[in-house]
Amino acid sequence: MRQAVKIVGDLLCIHAGYFLAFLLRFQGRLPEANWKAYLHILPALTLVAVIFLYVYEFYSEHKRRWSEFLSSLICVVSLLMLSGISLSYLMQTYAFPRTIFFMAAALQFLLLYSWRRFLWIWSLKREGALQLFIVGPALQVQKRIKDLTDYDGSVINIVGVLETDNLSFSQIPDGGIFPEIAASFDKTPSFAVLICDGIEKEKRSRIILQAVERGLPVFLIPEVEEIFLAQATPAQLNGIPVLHLHGAGNGPGGWKRFLDITLAVSLLILFAPLILLAALAIKIESPGPAFYLQERVGKDGRIFRLIKLRTMIPEAEKFTGPVLSHGKDPRITRVGRFLRLTRIDELPQLWNVLKGDMSFVGPRPERPFFVSQFQAKIPGYNLRHSLPVGITGLAQVEGKYSTPPEDKLRFDLIYGQRASFLEDLRLLLRTLSTVMLKDKAS
C-alpha cells in the first residue's frame, strides 16, 4: 500500500509539473492543439518516469540518506526532461512546445522535493532509524562501526555490539547455543542484526539461527563462496540434492561489446570539447603532460595502459613508489581535485573502452603492484579478473571511494553473478547520481 501511495504521489507531481508549465507558458490557457499533443505523449512519459523512478530506487525498502535521495531526484528530473524532448520528436508531437519540458523540469523538482522530503521525515518519525546490533570478531566489529559512523545518524543507529572472539558453546545437551548472544538479543529492543565476516562457520550458523528464531532482520556480510551460493541453481545428481554454482560471472557477451562501442563513440564525440578544456586547465596550472598513462590489470590478468587526465603533480610517486590515493592527498592539484570530484578525469578512458581494454561496467582495474598485494591477503581476489574491467561498477555505485578492497571484491563478484544488459544500463544511470556525492569520489 505504501509503495502504491508513493508511485501515485510521484506521478501526480510529475504531471502536475507539466500542467503548471502549460499554464505558465500560455498565461493561464490550455490551447487545444498543444494540450492534445501532451495527452498523446502522456502514456510514454508516464512509463519512462516509472522506469527512472525504479532505477534510482525511489521504492527501495532500505533507508537512505537524504543526500543520496536528492542526487537521485536530480538525475530523474534531468533524464525525464531529455527523454520527453526525444519522445516528442519520435512521436511527432510538434505542437508540444520544447520550452514546456524545461519549465516542467524545474516545477517537477520542486514538487517531488517537497513531497519526498515530507515522506522521508514522516517515515523517520514513524519508524525511526534502523536500530543495528553488530556481531562479529572484535577487529571486524570496530571496522564496521567506523564504516557506519560517518553515515547519517537519523538513518542508522548502532544499539549494541557483541564480539565473538571468546564465545563458547554452552553445554546444554539439546541446543548448544551461545547464552551471551541469547541474552543480548533478548534484552535489546527491536533491532536488526549485522553479522560480520570472519566468524567461524559453526558459530555463525548458530548465531544466525538464534536471530531468525526471534524474527530479527539479519544483514550478513558474505564470504566469497556465499556470493556464489546466492545465485546457485538447485539440482540433483542421481537423486543427490545439490546446488549448481555457475562460476565468477559472465564473459563479455555480444550485447556488452555492442553497448560499449555505441556509447563510447557517442560520448567521445559529445565530450571531446570538455576533455580538451580540462587538458588545457591542467597545462595552465602545472607543468607536465595533460594525460596520464598507467598500467592496469584487466580481464584474465592482462596488463593494459589506462589513459586518464592527470590530476596529480608531475612524478607524484617518484620518491614514494606506488601509493593509494586518499581524500586529502597533497599530491592532487586544485584542478585535479575538481576533475576527480566530477569524474571528468575518467572521460579519456572512453578510448580504452573503444579499444576493448575495458567495458563501461565492471570491476575497476587496479595497478599490478596493488593486485599482487591484494591477492596475497584477500582470498578469492583473483576471481574478479574473470570479469571485464570497467569505468564504473557496482562497487562505485553502492560503495564509497574509501571502501576497502575486500568489500569492493564482494561488490564485484555480486555484479558478476547478475550481469546483464539491463543491469549494465541501471548501473550506468545510477553512476550519474554518485558523481554528486562527495564520499563517492576523491
Foldseek 3Di string as FASTA:
>chain_A
DVLVVLLVQLLCLLVVLLVVLCCVVVVHDNDPLQVVLCVVCVVVLSVLLVVLCVLLPVPPPAQDDVLSVLLSLLLSLVVSLVVVVVVCVVVVSVSHDNVSSVSSSVSSSVSCVVVVVVVNVVCCVVPWAAEEEEEEAPVQVVVVCVVPVVGPCRHYPHDYYDHDPPFAFDPDPPARAGVVLLVVVVVDPAHAYEYEPPDPPVNVVRSVVSCVVVVHHYHYDDAPVVLQVVLWDWDADVNHTDTHGDAQFDECDPLQLVVLQVVLVVVCVVCVVVLVVLLVVVVVVAPDGQKDWAWWQWAPRDIDIAIWGDFFHPPLCVPPHDDDDDDVRPRGDPSSNVCFLQVVRRSVNSVVSNVPQATAEAAATDHPVVLVVCPVPAPPQCSSSNYGHHSYYQCLLVHFPPPDPNVSSSRRSNCRSVPDSVVSVSRVSSNSSSSSPRRSTD
